[in-house]
Amino acid sequence: MKRQIRSKWRRDRTKPVSLEDNAVALAYIVWQIALSATKNLHAQDFVYDSDEQRMSVIAEYLVLLVHSADRFAHADMDDAAREHFITTLAQEVARHLQRNQAEIMGPGDYRRPFITLLNERVSEYSQASFADERPGFELLRCFGEKILTVMESTQVNRWVKDQVMTVDAPDAVENLKMGVDDLFGSARTKSNVTLDPE
């Protein structure tokens, strides 16, 4: 499920890249990865019963990816920078979800339930291991169960947990890590760039 997503700052950019700029850019990458993972389930012959079900799967992927970005940030940022970065990332991801879900399902407040879901899931996922920049088995199992619950264990969808645990979720997190490395790497290589969150 490797996907080409633009994840580097342009070389001719004149404005310094802030931590917030990187969070906003990463939110777009997170959205694209979640969308791609959700489409891949359909390509693997799993079945969505409704747009609402599909959007719920996207939301679960968004949560996993924001949590994974927080795990990456923990190793590279102090607490204040990390909190600013992840808060901005979560708000921007919620904005993408709000806009897209409103287009598909009509007007409504989709941002607030997503933030509630994010907070609930993070309290669960933070108890699981995340080593060598990869989610551990317990985190993947927990995530797979969330997807199975959303998609329901029908004859067609009963193996979705295995697909998500062994292939799609690890690929999604790997793609996210590449995006993080590209964004911050391309920012650091430019003399006019600062990663200071101020």
C-alpha atoms as a PDB file:
ATOM      1  CA  MET A   1       0.000   0.000   0.000  1.00  0.00           C
ATOM      2  CA  LYS A   2       2.892   2.346  -0.712  1.00  0.00           C
ATOM      3  CA  ARG A   3       1.573   5.690  -1.889  1.00  0.00           C
ATOM      4  CA  GLN A   4       3.360   8.702  -3.283  1.00  0.00           C
ATOM      5  CA  ILE A   5       2.365  11.742  -1.239  1.00  0.00           C
ATOM      6  CA  ARG A   6       4.142  15.071  -1.487  1.00  0.00           C
ATOM      7  CA  SER A   7       5.975  15.332   1.823  1.00  0.00           C
ATOM      8  CA  LYS A   8       8.933  17.662   1.305  1.00  0.00           C
ATOM      9  CA  TRP A   9       9.147  21.417   1.502  1.00  0.00           C
ATOM     10  CA  ARG A  10      10.002  23.125  -1.769  1.00  0.00           C
ATOM     11  CA  ARG A  11      13.624  24.157  -2.132  1.00  0.00           C
ATOM     12  CA  ASP A  12      12.645  27.651  -3.272  1.00  0.00           C
ATOM     13  CA  ARG A  13      10.500  28.328  -0.180  1.00  0.00           C
ATOM     14  CA  THR A  14      11.582  31.623   1.358  1.00  0.00           C
ATOM     15  CA  LYS A  15       9.494  31.634   4.533  1.00  0.00           C
ATOM     16  CA  PRO A  16      10.974  29.744   7.504  1.00  0.00           C
ATOM     17  CA  VAL A  17       9.249  26.442   8.312  1.00  0.00           C
ATOM     18  CA  SER A  18       7.806  26.403  11.828  1.00  0.00           C
ATOM     19  CA  LEU A  19       6.741  23.452  13.914  1.00  0.00           C
ATOM     20  CA  GLU A  20       3.152  24.509  13.242  1.00  0.00           C
ATOM     21  CA  ASP A  21       3.798  24.531   9.466  1.00  0.00           C
ATOM     22  CA  ASN A  22       5.026  20.956   9.718  1.00  0.00           C
ATOM     23  CA  ALA A  23       1.979  19.941  11.768  1.00  0.00           C
ATOM     24  CA  VAL A  24      -0.392  21.428   9.181  1.00  0.00           C
ATOM     25  CA  ALA A  25       1.488  19.715   6.334  1.00  0.00           C
ATOM     26  CA  LEU A  26       1.553  16.408   8.215  1.00  0.00           C
ATOM     27  CA  ALA A  27      -2.210  16.612   8.796  1.00  0.00           C
ATOM     28  CA  TYR A  28      -2.714  16.532   5.027  1.00  0.00           C
ATOM     29  CA  ILE A  29      -0.378  13.527   4.773  1.00  0.00           C
ATOM     30  CA  VAL A  30      -2.271  11.788   7.594  1.00  0.00           C
ATOM     31  CA  TRP A  31      -5.556  12.397   5.778  1.00  0.00           C
ATOM     32  CA  GLN A  32      -4.190  10.972   2.520  1.00  0.00           C
ATOM     33  CA  ILE A  33      -2.772   7.874   4.225  1.00  0.00           C
ATOM     34  CA  ALA A  34      -6.051   7.200   6.058  1.00  0.00           C
ATOM     35  CA  LEU A  35      -8.035   7.650   2.857  1.00  0.00           C
ATOM     36  CA  SER A  36      -5.700   5.315   0.973  1.00  0.00           C
ATOM     37  CA  ALA A  37      -5.885   2.644   3.696  1.00  0.00           C
ATOM     38  CA  THR A  38      -9.675   2.819   3.693  1.00  0.00           C
ATOM     39  CA  LYS A  39      -9.819   2.475  -0.089  1.00  0.00           C
ATOM     40  CA  ASN A  40      -7.399  -0.447   0.101  1.00  0.00           C
ATOM     41  CA  LEU A  41      -9.829  -2.424   2.256  1.00  0.00           C
ATOM     42  CA  HIS A  42     -12.420  -2.079  -0.508  1.00  0.00           C
ATOM     43  CA  ALA A  43      -9.788  -3.116  -3.063  1.00  0.00           C
ATOM     44  CA  GLN A  44      -9.159  -6.248  -0.958  1.00  0.00           C
ATOM     45  CA  ASP A  45     -12.878  -7.101  -1.328  1.00  0.00           C
ATOM     46  CA  PHE A  46     -14.013  -6.022   2.111  1.00  0.00           C
ATOM     47  CA  VAL A  47     -17.411  -4.340   2.020  1.00  0.00           C
ATOM     48  CA  TYR A  48     -18.652  -1.015   3.389  1.00  0.00           C
ATOM     49  CA  ASP A  49     -22.386  -0.913   3.997  1.00  0.00           C
ATOM     50  CA  SER A  50     -22.604   2.882   4.026  1.00  0.00           C
ATOM     51  CA  ASP A  51     -20.703   6.147   3.740  1.00  0.00           C
ATOM     52  CA  GLU A  52     -21.016   6.486   7.504  1.00  0.00           C
ATOM     53  CA  GLN A  53     -19.219   3.181   7.987  1.00  0.00           C
ATOM     54  CA  ARG A  54     -16.480   4.226   5.564  1.00  0.00           C
ATOM     55  CA  MET A  55     -16.018   7.560   7.371  1.00  0.00           C
ATOM     56  CA  SER A  56     -15.813   5.714  10.698  1.00  0.00           C
ATOM     57  CA  VAL A  57     -12.955   3.592   9.338  1.00  0.00           C
ATOM     58  CA  ILE A  58     -11.202   6.743   8.114  1.00  0.00           C
ATOM     59  CA  ALA A  59     -11.628   8.268  11.588  1.00  0.00           C
ATOM     60  CA  GLU A  60     -10.072   5.192  13.226  1.00  0.00           C
ATOM     61  CA  TYR A  61      -7.077   5.428  10.887  1.00  0.00           C
ATOM     62  CA  LEU A  62      -6.734   9.151  11.598  1.00  0.00           C
ATOM     63  CA  VAL A  63      -6.620   8.414  15.315  1.00  0.00           C
ATOM     64  CA  LEU A  64      -3.986   5.690  14.881  1.00  0.00           C
ATOM     65  CA  LEU A  65      -1.835   8.002  12.769  1.00  0.00           C
ATOM     66  CA  VAL A  66      -2.094  11.002  15.115  1.00  0.00           C
ATOM     67  CA  HIS A  67      -1.170   8.703  17.997  1.00  0.00           C
ATOM     68  CA  SER A  68       1.768   7.323  16.001  1.00  0.00           C
ATOM     69  CA  ALA A  69       2.952  10.863  15.196  1.00  0.00           C
ATOM     70  CA  ASP A  70       2.864  11.588  18.926  1.00  0.00           C
ATOM     71  CA  ARG A  71       5.035   8.519  19.572  1.00  0.00           C
ATOM     72  CA  PHE A  72       7.525   9.752  16.968  1.00  0.00           C
ATOM     73  CA  ALA A  73       7.487  13.265  18.432  1.00  0.00           C
ATOM     74  CA  HIS A  74       8.150  11.929  21.925  1.00  0.00           C
ATOM     75  CA  ALA A  75      11.631  10.862  20.850  1.00  0.00           C
ATOM     76  CA  ASP A  76      12.537  14.116  19.080  1.00  0.00           C
ATOM     77  CA  MET A  77      10.831  17.001  20.884  1.00  0.00           C
ATOM     78  CA  ASP A  78      10.659  18.441  24.363  1.00  0.00           C
ATOM     79  CA  ASP A  79       7.282  18.342  26.087  1.00  0.00           C
ATOM     80  CA  ALA A  80       6.200  21.873  25.147  1.00  0.00           C
ATOM     81  CA  ALA A  81       7.099  21.489  21.456  1.00  0.00           C
ATOM     82  CA  ARG A  82       5.493  18.058  21.309  1.00  0.00           C
ATOM     83  CA  GLU A  83       2.252  19.287  22.870  1.00  0.00           C
ATOM     84  CA  HIS A  84       2.080  22.226  20.452  1.00  0.00           C
ATOM     85  CA  PHE A  85       2.860  20.012  17.469  1.00  0.00           C
ATOM     86  CA  ILE A  86       0.352  17.257  18.304  1.00  0.00           C
ATOM     87  CA  THR A  87      -2.407  19.684  19.287  1.00  0.00           C
ATOM     88  CA  THR A  88      -2.018  21.504  15.972  1.00  0.00           C
ATOM     89  CA  LEU A  89      -1.868  18.202  14.088  1.00  0.00           C
ATOM     90  CA  ALA A  90      -5.037  16.894  15.766  1.00  0.00           C
ATOM     91  CA  GLN A  91      -6.928  20.139  15.103  1.00  0.00           C
ATOM     92  CA  GLU A  92      -5.922  20.128  11.431  1.00  0.00           C
ATOM     93  CA  VAL A  93      -6.797  16.449  11.002  1.00  0.00           C
ATOM     94  CA  ALA A  94     -10.200  17.180  12.578  1.00  0.00           C
ATOM     95  CA  ARG A  95     -10.633  20.049  10.109  1.00  0.00           C
ATOM     96  CA  HIS A  96      -9.978  17.711   7.147  1.00  0.00           C
ATOM     97  CA  LEU A  97     -12.466  15.205   8.536  1.00  0.00           C
ATOM     98  CA  GLN A  98     -15.087  17.896   9.163  1.00  0.00           C
ATOM     99  CA  ARG A  99     -14.858  19.274   5.634  1.00  0.00           C
ATOM    100  CA  ASN A 100     -14.908  15.896   3.893  1.00  0.00           C
ATOM    101  CA  GLN A 101     -17.569  14.303   6.065  1.00  0.00           C
ATOM    102  CA  ALA A 102     -19.847  17.323   5.650  1.00  0.00           C
ATOM    103  CA  GLU A 103     -19.483  17.033   1.866  1.00  0.00           C
ATOM    104  CA  ILE A 104     -20.448  13.358   1.953  1.00  0.00           C
ATOM    105  CA  MET A 105     -23.002  13.202   4.752  1.00  0.00           C
ATOM    106  CA  GLY A 106     -24.357  16.735   4.942  1.00  0.00           C
ATOM    107  CA  PRO A 107     -23.921  19.559   7.449  1.00  0.00           C
ATOM    108  CA  GLY A 108     -23.130  18.681  11.037  1.00  0.00           C
ATOM    109  CA  ASP A 109     -20.525  18.824  13.771  1.00  0.00           C
ATOM    110  CA  TYR A 110     -18.147  15.979  12.967  1.00  0.00           C
ATOM    111  CA  ARG A 111     -15.082  17.567  14.561  1.00  0.00           C
ATOM    112  CA  ARG A 112     -16.180  17.264  18.200  1.00  0.00           C
ATOM    113  CA  PRO A 113     -17.018  13.517  18.068  1.00  0.00           C
ATOM    114  CA  PHE A 114     -13.669  12.913  16.370  1.00  0.00           C
ATOM    115  CA  ILE A 115     -11.749  14.711  19.124  1.00  0.00           C
ATOM    116  CA  THR A 116     -13.690  12.675  21.699  1.00  0.00           C
ATOM    117  CA  LEU A 117     -12.809   9.469  19.823  1.00  0.00           C
ATOM    118  CA  LEU A 118      -9.158  10.554  19.622  1.00  0.00           C
ATOM    119  CA  ASN A 119      -8.975  11.131  23.373  1.00  0.00           C
ATOM    120  CA  GLU A 120     -10.626   7.780  24.117  1.00  0.00           C
ATOM    121  CA  ARG A 121      -8.395   5.814  21.789  1.00  0.00           C
ATOM    122  CA  VAL A 122      -5.182   7.524  22.870  1.00  0.00           C
ATOM    123  CA  SER A 123      -5.815   6.493  26.477  1.00  0.00           C
ATOM    124  CA  GLU A 124      -6.033   2.879  25.238  1.00  0.00           C
ATOM    125  CA  TYR A 125      -3.198   2.979  22.718  1.00  0.00           C
ATOM    126  CA  SER A 126      -0.767   4.696  25.072  1.00  0.00           C
ATOM    127  CA  GLN A 127      -0.746   1.526  27.223  1.00  0.00           C
ATOM    128  CA  ALA A 128       0.528  -0.569  24.293  1.00  0.00           C
ATOM    129  CA  SER A 129       4.105  -0.871  23.115  1.00  0.00           C
ATOM    130  CA  PHE A 130       5.491   1.183  20.257  1.00  0.00           C
ATOM    131  CA  ALA A 131       9.112   0.171  19.683  1.00  0.00           C
ATOM    132  CA  ASP A 132      11.576   0.793  16.853  1.00  0.00           C
ATOM    133  CA  GLU A 133       9.126   3.334  15.386  1.00  0.00           C
ATOM    134  CA  ARG A 134       6.473   0.639  14.925  1.00  0.00           C
ATOM    135  CA  PRO A 135       3.251  -0.148  16.756  1.00  0.00           C
ATOM    136  CA  GLY A 136       3.494  -3.318  18.824  1.00  0.00           C
ATOM    137  CA  PHE A 137       1.241  -6.349  18.478  1.00  0.00           C
ATOM    138  CA  GLU A 138      -1.134  -5.251  21.241  1.00  0.00           C
ATOM    139  CA  LEU A 139      -1.704  -1.842  19.661  1.00  0.00           C
ATOM    140  CA  LEU A 140      -2.288  -3.414  16.239  1.00  0.00           C
ATOM    141  CA  ARG A 141      -4.653  -5.989  17.750  1.00  0.00           C
ATOM    142  CA  CYS A 142      -6.626  -3.280  19.503  1.00  0.00           C
ATOM    143  CA  PHE A 143      -6.798  -1.205  16.322  1.00  0.00           C
ATOM    144  CA  GLY A 144      -7.840  -4.235  14.263  1.00  0.00           C
ATOM    145  CA  GLU A 145     -10.688  -4.902  16.684  1.00  0.00           C
ATOM    146  CA  LYS A 146     -11.892  -1.309  16.303  1.00  0.00           C
ATOM    147  CA  ILE A 147     -12.009  -1.695  12.511  1.00  0.00           C
ATOM    148  CA  LEU A 148     -13.772  -5.071  12.785  1.00  0.00           C
ATOM    149  CA  THR A 149     -16.364  -3.540  15.117  1.00  0.00           C
ATOM    150  CA  VAL A 150     -17.017  -0.692  12.685  1.00  0.00           C
ATOM    151  CA  MET A 151     -17.259  -2.961   9.634  1.00  0.00           C
ATOM    152  CA  GLU A 152     -19.078  -5.781  11.450  1.00  0.00           C
ATOM    153  CA  SER A 153     -18.058  -9.428  11.324  1.00  0.00           C
ATOM    154  CA  THR A 154     -20.021 -10.512   8.276  1.00  0.00           C
ATOM    155  CA  GLN A 155     -19.008 -13.450   6.111  1.00  0.00           C
ATOM    156  CA  VAL A 156     -17.099 -11.041   3.863  1.00  0.00           C
ATOM    157  CA  ASN A 157     -15.585  -8.812   6.556  1.00  0.00           C
ATOM    158  CA  ARG A 158     -14.640 -11.361   9.221  1.00  0.00           C
ATOM    159  CA  TRP A 159     -10.974 -11.358   8.116  1.00  0.00           C
ATOM    160  CA  VAL A 160     -10.628  -7.565   8.066  1.00  0.00           C
ATOM    161  CA  LYS A 161      -8.883  -7.573  11.446  1.00  0.00           C
ATOM    162  CA  ASP A 162      -6.099  -9.792  10.079  1.00  0.00           C
ATOM    163  CA  GLN A 163      -5.699  -7.619   6.972  1.00  0.00           C
ATOM    164  CA  VAL A 164      -5.465  -4.467   9.050  1.00  0.00           C
ATOM    165  CA  MET A 165      -3.115  -5.908  11.696  1.00  0.00           C
ATOM    166  CA  THR A 166      -0.660  -7.600   9.379  1.00  0.00           C
ATOM    167  CA  VAL A 167      -0.625  -5.340   6.311  1.00  0.00           C
ATOM    168  CA  ASP A 168      -2.579  -2.099   6.213  1.00  0.00           C
ATOM    169  CA  ALA A 169      -1.923  -0.535   9.629  1.00  0.00           C
ATOM    170  CA  PRO A 170       1.837  -1.274   9.630  1.00  0.00           C
ATOM    171  CA  ASP A 171       2.069   0.145   6.085  1.00  0.00           C
ATOM    172  CA  ALA A 172       0.102   3.237   7.107  1.00  0.00           C
ATOM    173  CA  VAL A 173       2.428   3.921  10.050  1.00  0.00           C
ATOM    174  CA  GLU A 174       5.493   3.313   7.874  1.00  0.00           C
ATOM    175  CA  ASN A 175       4.175   5.798   5.297  1.00  0.00           C
ATOM    176  CA  LEU A 176       3.555   8.276   8.100  1.00  0.00           C
ATOM    177  CA  LYS A 177       7.115   7.888   9.373  1.00  0.00           C
ATOM    178  CA  MET A 178       8.456   8.556   5.878  1.00  0.00           C
ATOM    179  CA  GLY A 179       6.292  11.677   5.713  1.00  0.00           C
ATOM    180  CA  VAL A 180       7.553  12.902   9.093  1.00  0.00           C
ATOM    181  CA  ASP A 181      11.166  12.261   8.112  1.00  0.00           C
ATOM    182  CA  ASP A 182      10.698  14.008   4.761  1.00  0.00           C
ATOM    183  CA  LEU A 183       9.029  17.065   6.256  1.00  0.00           C
ATOM    184  CA  PHE A 184      11.459  17.611   9.072  1.00  0.00           C
ATOM    185  CA  GLY A 185      14.457  16.501   7.022  1.00  0.00           C
ATOM    186  CA  SER A 186      13.719  18.876   4.171  1.00  0.00           C
ATOM    187  CA  ALA A 187      13.127  21.678   6.681  1.00  0.00           C
ATOM    188  CA  ARG A 188      16.425  21.070   8.476  1.00  0.00           C
ATOM    189  CA  THR A 189      18.488  21.071   5.287  1.00  0.00           C
ATOM    190  CA  LYS A 190      17.518  24.659   4.472  1.00  0.00           C
ATOM    191  CA  SER A 191      19.510  27.426   6.085  1.00  0.00           C
ATOM    192  CA  ASN A 192      16.459  29.693   6.399  1.00  0.00           C
ATOM    193  CA  VAL A 193      14.370  27.157   8.300  1.00  0.00           C
ATOM    194  CA  THR A 194      13.616  27.126  11.993  1.00  0.00           C
ATOM    195  CA  LEU A 195      11.846  24.363  13.881  1.00  0.00           C
ATOM    196  CA  ASP A 196      11.161  26.684  16.785  1.00  0.00           C
ATOM    197  CA  PRO A 197       7.419  26.527  17.570  1.00  0.00           C
ATOM    198  CA  GLU A 198       7.241  30.239  18.450  1.00  0.00           C
END
